PDB file of N, CA and C in Angstrom:
ATOM      1  N   MET A   1      14.660   5.722  -1.677  1.00  0.00           N
ATOM      2  CA  MET A   1      14.345   4.749  -2.713  1.00  0.00           C
ATOM      3  C   MET A   1      12.826   4.677  -2.895  1.00  0.00           C
ATOM      4  N   PRO A   2      12.330   4.963  -4.077  1.00  0.00           N
ATOM      5  CA  PRO A   2      10.874   4.938  -4.294  1.00  0.00           C
ATOM      6  C   PRO A   2      10.332   3.519  -4.366  1.00  0.00           C
ATOM      7  N   ILE A   3       9.036   3.414  -4.143  1.00  0.00           N
ATOM      8  CA  ILE A   3       8.365   2.118  -4.236  1.00  0.00           C
ATOM      9  C   ILE A   3       8.446   1.654  -5.697  1.00  0.00           C
ATOM     10  N   PRO A   4       8.662   0.367  -5.937  1.00  0.00           N
ATOM     11  CA  PRO A   4       8.763  -0.119  -7.319  1.00  0.00           C
ATOM     12  C   PRO A   4       7.524   0.211  -8.135  1.00  0.00           C
ATOM     13  N   LYS A   5       7.723   0.501  -9.402  1.00  0.00           N
ATOM     14  CA  LYS A   5       6.618   0.859 -10.293  1.00  0.00           C
ATOM     15  C   LYS A   5       5.786  -0.358 -10.694  1.00  0.00           C
ATOM     16  N   ARG A   6       6.386  -1.524 -10.663  1.00  0.00           N
ATOM     17  CA  ARG A   6       5.726  -2.738 -11.138  1.00  0.00           C
ATOM     18  C   ARG A   6       4.722  -3.273 -10.119  1.00  0.00           C
ATOM     19  N   TRP A   7       3.517  -3.521 -10.589  1.00  0.00           N
ATOM     20  CA  TRP A   7       2.450  -4.064  -9.753  1.00  0.00           C
ATOM     21  C   TRP A   7       2.471  -5.586  -9.798  1.00  0.00           C
ATOM     22  N   SER A   8       2.027  -6.218  -8.713  1.00  0.00           N
ATOM     23  CA  SER A   8       1.813  -7.665  -8.652  1.00  0.00           C
ATOM     24  C   SER A   8       0.338  -7.899  -8.384  1.00  0.00           C
ATOM     25  N   LYS A   9      -0.157  -9.049  -8.795  1.00  0.00           N
ATOM     26  CA  LYS A   9      -1.540  -9.397  -8.485  1.00  0.00           C
ATOM     27  C   LYS A   9      -1.673  -9.515  -6.971  1.00  0.00           C
ATOM     28  N   LEU A  10      -2.839  -9.147  -6.460  1.00  0.00           N
ATOM     29  CA  LEU A  10      -3.083  -9.178  -5.023  1.00  0.00           C
ATOM     30  C   LEU A  10      -2.832 -10.560  -4.431  1.00  0.00           C
ATOM     31  N   SER A  11      -3.021 -11.597  -5.230  1.00  0.00           N
ATOM     32  CA  SER A  11      -2.803 -12.966  -4.753  1.00  0.00           C
ATOM     33  C   SER A  11      -1.340 -13.222  -4.383  1.00  0.00           C
ATOM     34  N   LYS A  12      -0.449 -12.332  -4.774  1.00  0.00           N
ATOM     35  CA  LYS A  12       0.976 -12.500  -4.478  1.00  0.00           C
ATOM     36  C   LYS A  12       1.361 -11.991  -3.090  1.00  0.00           C
ATOM     37  N   VAL A  13       0.368 -11.662  -2.257  1.00  0.00           N
ATOM     38  CA  VAL A  13       0.632 -11.171  -0.900  1.00  0.00           C
ATOM     39  C   VAL A  13       1.522 -12.134  -0.126  1.00  0.00           C
ATOM     40  N   GLU A  14       1.398 -13.417  -0.398  1.00  0.00           N
ATOM     41  CA  GLU A  14       2.223 -14.392   0.324  1.00  0.00           C
ATOM     42  C   GLU A  14       3.715 -14.186   0.055  1.00  0.00           C
ATOM     43  N   ASN A  15       4.055 -13.447  -0.993  1.00  0.00           N
ATOM     44  CA  ASN A  15       5.455 -13.160  -1.303  1.00  0.00           C
ATOM     45  C   ASN A  15       5.982 -11.920  -0.583  1.00  0.00           C
ATOM     46  N   ALA A  16       5.118 -11.232   0.143  1.00  0.00           N
ATOM     47  CA  ALA A  16       5.539 -10.033   0.861  1.00  0.00           C
ATOM     48  C   ALA A  16       6.572 -10.416   1.926  1.00  0.00           C
ATOM     49  N   PRO A  17       7.523  -9.546   2.180  1.00  0.00           N
ATOM     50  CA  PRO A  17       8.554  -9.845   3.171  1.00  0.00           C
ATOM     51  C   PRO A  17       8.034  -9.755   4.604  1.00  0.00           C
ATOM     52  N   LYS A  18       8.721 -10.437   5.492  1.00  0.00           N
ATOM     53  CA  LYS A  18       8.403 -10.371   6.920  1.00  0.00           C
ATOM     54  C   LYS A  18       9.205  -9.240   7.565  1.00  0.00           C
ATOM     55  N   LYS A  19       9.422  -8.189   6.799  1.00  0.00           N
ATOM     56  CA  LYS A  19      10.224  -7.049   7.232  1.00  0.00           C
ATOM     57  C   LYS A  19       9.361  -5.790   7.183  1.00  0.00           C
ATOM     58  N   PRO A  20       9.834  -4.703   7.815  1.00  0.00           N
ATOM     59  CA  PRO A  20       9.072  -3.453   7.774  1.00  0.00           C
ATOM     60  C   PRO A  20       9.064  -2.854   6.380  1.00  0.00           C
ATOM     61  N   GLY A  21       7.950  -2.152   6.089  1.00  0.00           N
ATOM     62  CA  GLY A  21       7.861  -1.516   4.789  1.00  0.00           C
ATOM     63  C   GLY A  21       6.545  -0.818   4.564  1.00  0.00           C
ATOM     64  N   VAL A  22       6.376  -0.337   3.350  1.00  0.00           N
ATOM     65  CA  VAL A  22       5.161   0.356   2.919  1.00  0.00           C
ATOM     66  C   VAL A  22       4.570  -0.387   1.724  1.00  0.00           C
ATOM     67  N   TYR A  23       3.288  -0.151   1.478  1.00  0.00           N
ATOM     68  CA  TYR A  23       2.639  -0.796   0.342  1.00  0.00           C
ATOM     69  C   TYR A  23       1.603   0.124  -0.273  1.00  0.00           C
ATOM     70  N   GLU A  24       1.269  -0.168  -1.510  1.00  0.00           N
ATOM     71  CA  GLU A  24       0.196   0.505  -2.220  1.00  0.00           C
ATOM     72  C   GLU A  24      -0.721  -0.570  -2.779  1.00  0.00           C
ATOM     73  N   LEU A  25      -2.021  -0.340  -2.661  1.00  0.00           N
ATOM     74  CA  LEU A  25      -3.009  -1.215  -3.261  1.00  0.00           C
ATOM     75  C   LEU A  25      -3.596  -0.496  -4.463  1.00  0.00           C
ATOM     76  N   GLY A  26      -3.821  -1.245  -5.545  1.00  0.00           N
ATOM     77  CA  GLY A  26      -4.349  -0.656  -6.766  1.00  0.00           C
ATOM     78  C   GLY A  26      -5.596  -1.369  -7.254  1.00  0.00           C
ATOM     79  N   ASN A  27      -6.438  -0.627  -7.978  1.00  0.00           N
ATOM     80  CA  ASN A  27      -7.644  -1.211  -8.555  1.00  0.00           C
ATOM     81  C   ASN A  27      -7.328  -1.825  -9.918  1.00  0.00           C
ATOM     82  N   ARG A  28      -8.351  -2.196 -10.664  1.00  0.00           N
ATOM     83  CA  ARG A  28      -8.156  -2.834 -11.988  1.00  0.00           C
ATOM     84  C   ARG A  28      -7.304  -1.987 -12.928  1.00  0.00           C
ATOM     85  N   GLU A  29      -7.451  -0.663 -12.811  1.00  0.00           N
ATOM     86  CA  GLU A  29      -6.703   0.263 -13.679  1.00  0.00           C
ATOM     87  C   GLU A  29      -5.316   0.578 -13.114  1.00  0.00           C
ATOM     88  N   LYS A  30      -4.979  -0.070 -12.001  1.00  0.00           N
ATOM     89  CA  LYS A  30      -3.709   0.148 -11.306  1.00  0.00           C
ATOM     90  C   LYS A  30      -3.587   1.582 -10.787  1.00  0.00           C
ATOM     91  N   THR A  31      -4.731   2.117 -10.386  1.00  0.00           N
ATOM     92  CA  THR A  31      -4.785   3.401  -9.720  1.00  0.00           C
ATOM     93  C   THR A  31      -4.649   3.133  -8.226  1.00  0.00           C
ATOM     94  N   ILE A  32      -3.820   3.882  -7.541  1.00  0.00           N
ATOM     95  CA  ILE A  32      -3.608   3.690  -6.105  1.00  0.00           C
ATOM     96  C   ILE A  32      -4.893   4.025  -5.356  1.00  0.00           C
ATOM     97  N   VAL A  33      -5.377   3.065  -4.557  1.00  0.00           N
ATOM     98  CA  VAL A  33      -6.580   3.279  -3.760  1.00  0.00           C
ATOM     99  C   VAL A  33      -6.291   3.220  -2.262  1.00  0.00           C
ATOM    100  N   LYS A  34      -5.080   2.773  -1.882  1.00  0.00           N
ATOM    101  CA  LYS A  34      -4.691   2.757  -0.468  1.00  0.00           C
ATOM    102  C   LYS A  34      -3.178   2.714  -0.354  1.00  0.00           C
ATOM    103  N   ILE A  35      -2.677   3.457   0.609  1.00  0.00           N
ATOM    104  CA  ILE A  35      -1.264   3.445   0.970  1.00  0.00           C
ATOM    105  C   ILE A  35      -1.206   3.024   2.433  1.00  0.00           C
ATOM    106  N   GLY A  36      -0.319   2.103   2.754  1.00  0.00           N
ATOM    107  CA  GLY A  36      -0.215   1.630   4.131  1.00  0.00           C
ATOM    108  C   GLY A  36       1.195   1.240   4.482  1.00  0.00           C
ATOM    109  N   GLU A  37       1.368   0.815   5.743  1.00  0.00           N
ATOM    110  CA  GLU A  37       2.683   0.421   6.242  1.00  0.00           C
ATOM    111  C   GLU A  37       2.524  -0.676   7.276  1.00  0.00           C
ATOM    112  N   GLY A  38       3.643  -1.311   7.602  1.00  0.00           N
ATOM    113  CA  GLY A  38       3.622  -2.325   8.635  1.00  0.00           C
ATOM    114  C   GLY A  38       5.020  -2.707   9.085  1.00  0.00           C
ATOM    115  N   LYS A  39       5.128  -3.148  10.340  1.00  0.00           N
ATOM    116  CA  LYS A  39       6.412  -3.613  10.879  1.00  0.00           C
ATOM    117  C   LYS A  39       6.833  -4.908  10.204  1.00  0.00           C
ATOM    118  N   LYS A  40       5.825  -5.730   9.881  1.00  0.00           N
ATOM    119  CA  LYS A  40       6.042  -6.983   9.150  1.00  0.00           C
ATOM    120  C   LYS A  40       5.008  -6.989   8.032  1.00  0.00           C
ATOM    121  N   LEU A  41       5.431  -6.638   6.821  1.00  0.00           N
ATOM    122  CA  LEU A  41       4.488  -6.475   5.717  1.00  0.00           C
ATOM    123  C   LEU A  41       3.607  -7.701   5.480  1.00  0.00           C
ATOM    124  N   LYS A  42       4.219  -8.865   5.447  1.00  0.00           N
ATOM    125  CA  LYS A  42       3.447 -10.080   5.151  1.00  0.00           C
ATOM    126  C   LYS A  42       2.339 -10.272   6.181  1.00  0.00           C
ATOM    127  N   GLU A  43       2.664 -10.107   7.442  1.00  0.00           N
ATOM    128  CA  GLU A  43       1.682 -10.273   8.512  1.00  0.00           C
ATOM    129  C   GLU A  43       0.579  -9.207   8.415  1.00  0.00           C
ATOM    130  N   ARG A  44       0.977  -7.979   8.203  1.00  0.00           N
ATOM    131  CA  ARG A  44       0.025  -6.865   8.104  1.00  0.00           C
ATOM    132  C   ARG A  44      -0.952  -7.094   6.948  1.00  0.00           C
ATOM    133  N   LEU A  45      -0.434  -7.439   5.800  1.00  0.00           N
ATOM    134  CA  LEU A  45      -1.276  -7.639   4.624  1.00  0.00           C
ATOM    135  C   LEU A  45      -2.167  -8.871   4.768  1.00  0.00           C
ATOM    136  N   SER A  46      -1.633  -9.921   5.356  1.00  0.00           N
ATOM    137  CA  SER A  46      -2.428 -11.136   5.563  1.00  0.00           C
ATOM    138  C   SER A  46      -3.619 -10.856   6.476  1.00  0.00           C
ATOM    139  N   GLN A  47      -3.399 -10.036   7.512  1.00  0.00           N
ATOM    140  CA  GLN A  47      -4.482  -9.672   8.428  1.00  0.00           C
ATOM    141  C   GLN A  47      -5.559  -8.862   7.703  1.00  0.00           C
ATOM    142  N   GLN A  48      -5.147  -8.023   6.767  1.00  0.00           N
ATOM    143  CA  GLN A  48      -6.077  -7.146   6.065  1.00  0.00           C
ATOM    144  C   GLN A  48      -6.828  -7.832   4.920  1.00  0.00           C
ATOM    145  N   MET A  49      -6.314  -8.951   4.425  1.00  0.00           N
ATOM    146  CA  MET A  49      -6.897  -9.595   3.245  1.00  0.00           C
ATOM    147  C   MET A  49      -8.418  -9.786   3.321  1.00  0.00           C
ATOM    148  N   PRO A  50      -8.976 -10.275   4.435  1.00  0.00           N
ATOM    149  CA  PRO A  50     -10.428 -10.478   4.464  1.00  0.00           C
ATOM    150  C   PRO A  50     -11.236  -9.188   4.293  1.00  0.00           C
ATOM    151  N   SER A  51     -10.665  -8.048   4.657  1.00  0.00           N
ATOM    152  CA  SER A  51     -11.420  -6.794   4.586  1.00  0.00           C
ATOM    153  C   SER A  51     -11.013  -5.894   3.418  1.00  0.00           C
ATOM    154  N   ILE A  52     -10.112  -6.381   2.571  1.00  0.00           N
ATOM    155  CA  ILE A  52      -9.706  -5.579   1.414  1.00  0.00           C
ATOM    156  C   ILE A  52     -10.879  -5.521   0.429  1.00  0.00           C
ATOM    157  N   PRO A  53     -11.250  -4.308   0.003  1.00  0.00           N
ATOM    158  CA  PRO A  53     -12.380  -4.161  -0.925  1.00  0.00           C
ATOM    159  C   PRO A  53     -12.200  -4.952  -2.217  1.00  0.00           C
ATOM    160  N   LYS A  54     -13.313  -5.347  -2.788  1.00  0.00           N
ATOM    161  CA  LYS A  54     -13.310  -6.197  -3.991  1.00  0.00           C
ATOM    162  C   LYS A  54     -12.675  -5.532  -5.207  1.00  0.00           C
ATOM    163  N   ASP A  55     -12.662  -4.185  -5.241  1.00  0.00           N
ATOM    164  CA  ASP A  55     -12.079  -3.513  -6.411  1.00  0.00           C
ATOM    165  C   ASP A  55     -10.552  -3.488  -6.385  1.00  0.00           C
ATOM    166  N   VAL A  56      -9.937  -3.910  -5.280  1.00  0.00           N
ATOM    167  CA  VAL A  56      -8.482  -3.954  -5.185  1.00  0.00           C
ATOM    168  C   VAL A  56      -7.988  -5.243  -5.847  1.00  0.00           C
ATOM    169  N   LYS A  57      -7.120  -5.079  -6.844  1.00  0.00           N
ATOM    170  CA  LYS A  57      -6.634  -6.233  -7.613  1.00  0.00           C
ATOM    171  C   LYS A  57      -5.115  -6.340  -7.626  1.00  0.00           C
ATOM    172  N   PHE A  58      -4.416  -5.247  -7.295  1.00  0.00           N
ATOM    173  CA  PHE A  58      -2.956  -5.227  -7.407  1.00  0.00           C
ATOM    174  C   PHE A  58      -2.304  -4.668  -6.148  1.00  0.00           C
ATOM    175  N   ILE A  59      -1.036  -5.020  -5.985  1.00  0.00           N
ATOM    176  CA  ILE A  59      -0.254  -4.570  -4.837  1.00  0.00           C
ATOM    177  C   ILE A  59       1.191  -4.349  -5.259  1.00  0.00           C
ATOM    178  N   ARG A  60       1.847  -3.447  -4.578  1.00  0.00           N
ATOM    179  CA  ARG A  60       3.295  -3.295  -4.695  1.00  0.00           C
ATOM    180  C   ARG A  60       3.797  -2.796  -3.341  1.00  0.00           C
ATOM    181  N   TRP A  61       5.040  -3.134  -3.017  1.00  0.00           N
ATOM    182  CA  TRP A  61       5.580  -2.760  -1.719  1.00  0.00           C
ATOM    183  C   TRP A  61       7.049  -2.413  -1.807  1.00  0.00           C
ATOM    184  N   GLN A  62       7.518  -1.835  -0.712  1.00  0.00           N
ATOM    185  CA  GLN A  62       8.924  -1.464  -0.576  1.00  0.00           C
ATOM    186  C   GLN A  62       9.343  -1.773   0.857  1.00  0.00           C
ATOM    187  N   GLU A  63      10.414  -2.519   1.009  1.00  0.00           N
ATOM    188  CA  GLU A  63      10.973  -2.748   2.341  1.00  0.00           C
ATOM    189  C   GLU A  63      11.702  -1.481   2.767  1.00  0.00           C
ATOM    190  N   ILE A  64      11.408  -1.009   3.982  1.00  0.00           N
ATOM    191  CA  ILE A  64      12.073   0.178   4.502  1.00  0.00           C
ATOM    192  C   ILE A  64      11.900   0.208   6.015  1.00  0.00           C
ATOM    193  N   LYS A  65      12.997   0.434   6.718  1.00  0.00           N
ATOM    194  CA  LYS A  65      12.952   0.426   8.181  1.00  0.00           C
ATOM    195  C   LYS A  65      12.085   1.551   8.731  1.00  0.00           C
ATOM    196  N   GLN A  66      12.176   2.718   8.145  1.00  0.00           N
ATOM    197  CA  GLN A  66      11.401   3.861   8.635  1.00  0.00           C
ATOM    198  C   GLN A  66      10.050   3.918   7.913  1.00  0.00           C
ATOM    199  N   HIS A  67       9.287   2.845   8.060  1.00  0.00           N
ATOM    200  CA  HIS A  67       8.036   2.664   7.323  1.00  0.00           C
ATOM    201  C   HIS A  67       6.973   3.697   7.676  1.00  0.00           C
ATOM    202  N   GLU A  68       6.865   4.080   8.940  1.00  0.00           N
ATOM    203  CA  GLU A  68       5.845   5.061   9.325  1.00  0.00           C
ATOM    204  C   GLU A  68       6.128   6.419   8.687  1.00  0.00           C
ATOM    205  N   LYS A  69       7.374   6.826   8.714  1.00  0.00           N
ATOM    206  CA  LYS A  69       7.782   8.100   8.106  1.00  0.00           C
ATOM    207  C   LYS A  69       7.557   8.059   6.592  1.00  0.00           C
ATOM    208  N   ARG A  70       7.909   6.936   5.977  1.00  0.00           N
ATOM    209  CA  ARG A  70       7.752   6.802   4.520  1.00  0.00           C
ATOM    210  C   ARG A  70       6.281   6.808   4.116  1.00  0.00           C
ATOM    211  N   GLU A  71       5.422   6.144   4.909  1.00  0.00           N
ATOM    212  CA  GLU A  71       3.986   6.146   4.606  1.00  0.00           C
ATOM    213  C   GLU A  71       3.451   7.583   4.644  1.00  0.00           C
ATOM    214  N   LYS A  72       3.808   8.311   5.668  1.00  0.00           N
ATOM    215  CA  LYS A  72       3.357   9.705   5.798  1.00  0.00           C
ATOM    216  C   LYS A  72       3.805  10.533   4.593  1.00  0.00           C
ATOM    217  N   GLN A  73       5.046  10.335   4.179  1.00  0.00           N
ATOM    218  CA  GLN A  73       5.592  11.041   3.021  1.00  0.00           C
ATOM    219  C   GLN A  73       4.816  10.674   1.751  1.00  0.00           C
ATOM    220  N   MET A  74       4.527   9.388   1.563  1.00  0.00           N
ATOM    221  CA  MET A  74       3.798   8.934   0.384  1.00  0.00           C
ATOM    222  C   MET A  74       2.383   9.519   0.346  1.00  0.00           C
ATOM    223  N   LEU A  75       1.734   9.568   1.503  1.00  0.00           N
ATOM    224  CA  LEU A  75       0.387  10.136   1.569  1.00  0.00           C
ATOM    225  C   LEU A  75       0.410  11.625   1.246  1.00  0.00           C
ATOM    226  N   GLU A  76       1.411  12.331   1.763  1.00  0.00           N
ATOM    227  CA  GLU A  76       1.542  13.763   1.481  1.00  0.00           C
ATOM    228  C   GLU A  76       1.793  14.005  -0.004  1.00  0.00           C
ATOM    229  N   GLU A  77       2.662  13.187  -0.603  1.00  0.00           N
ATOM    230  CA  GLU A  77       2.956  13.316  -2.035  1.00  0.00           C
ATOM    231  C   GLU A  77       1.703  13.039  -2.878  1.00  0.00           C
ATOM    232  N   PHE A  78       0.948  12.023  -2.502  1.00  0.00           N
ATOM    233  CA  PHE A  78      -0.275  11.687  -3.232  1.00  0.00           C
ATOM    234  C   PHE A  78      -1.269  12.841  -3.141  1.00  0.00           C
ATOM    235  N   LYS A  79      -1.454  13.365  -1.922  1.00  0.00           N
ATOM    236  CA  LYS A  79      -2.405  14.458  -1.724  1.00  0.00           C
ATOM    237  C   LYS A  79      -1.988  15.712  -2.485  1.00  0.00           C
ATOM    238  N   GLU A  80      -0.696  15.980  -2.513  1.00  0.00           N
ATOM    239  CA  GLU A  80      -0.191  17.135  -3.247  1.00  0.00           C
ATOM    240  C   GLU A  80      -0.465  16.981  -4.751  1.00  0.00           C
ATOM    241  N   LYS A  81      -0.276  15.786  -5.253  1.00  0.00           N
ATOM    242  CA  LYS A  81      -0.454  15.525  -6.681  1.00  0.00           C
ATOM    243  C   LYS A  81      -1.928  15.465  -7.090  1.00  0.00           C
ATOM    244  N   HIS A  82      -2.780  14.864  -6.239  1.00  0.00           N
ATOM    245  CA  HIS A  82      -4.171  14.603  -6.611  1.00  0.00           C
ATOM    246  C   HIS A  82      -5.198  15.477  -5.879  1.00  0.00           C
ATOM    247  N   GLY A  83      -4.757  16.226  -4.872  1.00  0.00           N
ATOM    248  CA  GLY A  83      -5.669  17.083  -4.127  1.00  0.00           C
ATOM    249  C   GLY A  83      -6.538  16.345  -3.121  1.00  0.00           C
ATOM    250  N   ARG A  84      -6.216  15.092  -2.873  1.00  0.00           N
ATOM    251  CA  ARG A  84      -6.973  14.249  -1.938  1.00  0.00           C
ATOM    252  C   ARG A  84      -6.121  13.052  -1.564  1.00  0.00           C
ATOM    253  N   LEU A  85      -6.567  12.306  -0.567  1.00  0.00           N
ATOM    254  CA  LEU A  85      -5.913  11.054  -0.200  1.00  0.00           C
ATOM    255  C   LEU A  85      -6.448   9.928  -1.086  1.00  0.00           C
ATOM    256  N   PRO A  86      -5.746   8.781  -1.130  1.00  0.00           N
ATOM    257  CA  PRO A  86      -6.289   7.638  -1.865  1.00  0.00           C
ATOM    258  C   PRO A  86      -7.671   7.242  -1.300  1.00  0.00           C
ATOM    259  N   LYS A  87      -8.480   6.672  -2.146  1.00  0.00           N
ATOM    260  CA  LYS A  87      -9.870   6.322  -1.828  1.00  0.00           C
ATOM    261  C   LYS A  87     -10.046   5.695  -0.452  1.00  0.00           C
ATOM    262  N   TYR A  88      -9.273   4.676  -0.136  1.00  0.00           N
ATOM    263  CA  TYR A  88      -9.470   3.960   1.127  1.00  0.00           C
ATOM    264  C   TYR A  88      -8.664   4.541   2.280  1.00  0.00           C
ATOM    265  N   ASN A  89      -7.808   5.509   2.036  1.00  0.00           N
ATOM    266  CA  ASN A  89      -7.177   6.245   3.118  1.00  0.00           C
ATOM    267  C   ASN A  89      -8.099   7.382   3.574  1.00  0.00           C
ATOM    268  N   GLU A  90      -8.913   7.910   2.674  1.00  0.00           N
ATOM    269  CA  GLU A  90      -9.850   8.986   3.014  1.00  0.00           C
ATOM    270  C   GLU A  90     -10.860   8.516   4.057  1.00  0.00           C
ATOM    271  N   GLN A  91     -11.244   7.269   4.003  1.00  0.00           N
ATOM    272  CA  GLN A  91     -12.248   6.749   4.912  1.00  0.00           C
ATOM    273  C   GLN A  91     -11.773   6.681   6.350  1.00  0.00           C
ATOM    274  N   ILE A  92     -10.459   6.653   6.541  1.00  0.00           N
ATOM    275  CA  ILE A  92      -9.928   6.564   7.908  1.00  0.00           C
ATOM    276  C   ILE A  92      -9.227   7.846   8.337  1.00  0.00           C
ATOM    277  N   GLY A  93      -9.283   8.866   7.526  1.00  0.00           N
ATOM    278  CA  GLY A  93      -8.695  10.149   7.931  1.00  0.00           C
ATOM    279  C   GLY A  93      -7.637  10.511   7.038  1.00  0.00           C
TER     280      GLY A  93
END
């Protein structure tokens, strides 16, 4: 099941589930700038909020038990399509 196409404003992080899943962060143009995962999405995203770059304005997520595997797959698909990792994934490897 692919991640939903519809973006939410970053302020909607409080609506993230307390379940495992993957997420994408988008800039003003809704271009993906980071792909991530967490055992508890709401907790993971809440922890990251203070350090999320100012150009990030949108978020979308998908609940999925095999979140680590799905994140890896999403990063590989992005790199295959764009020839690079998302902007903020490149900074960490």
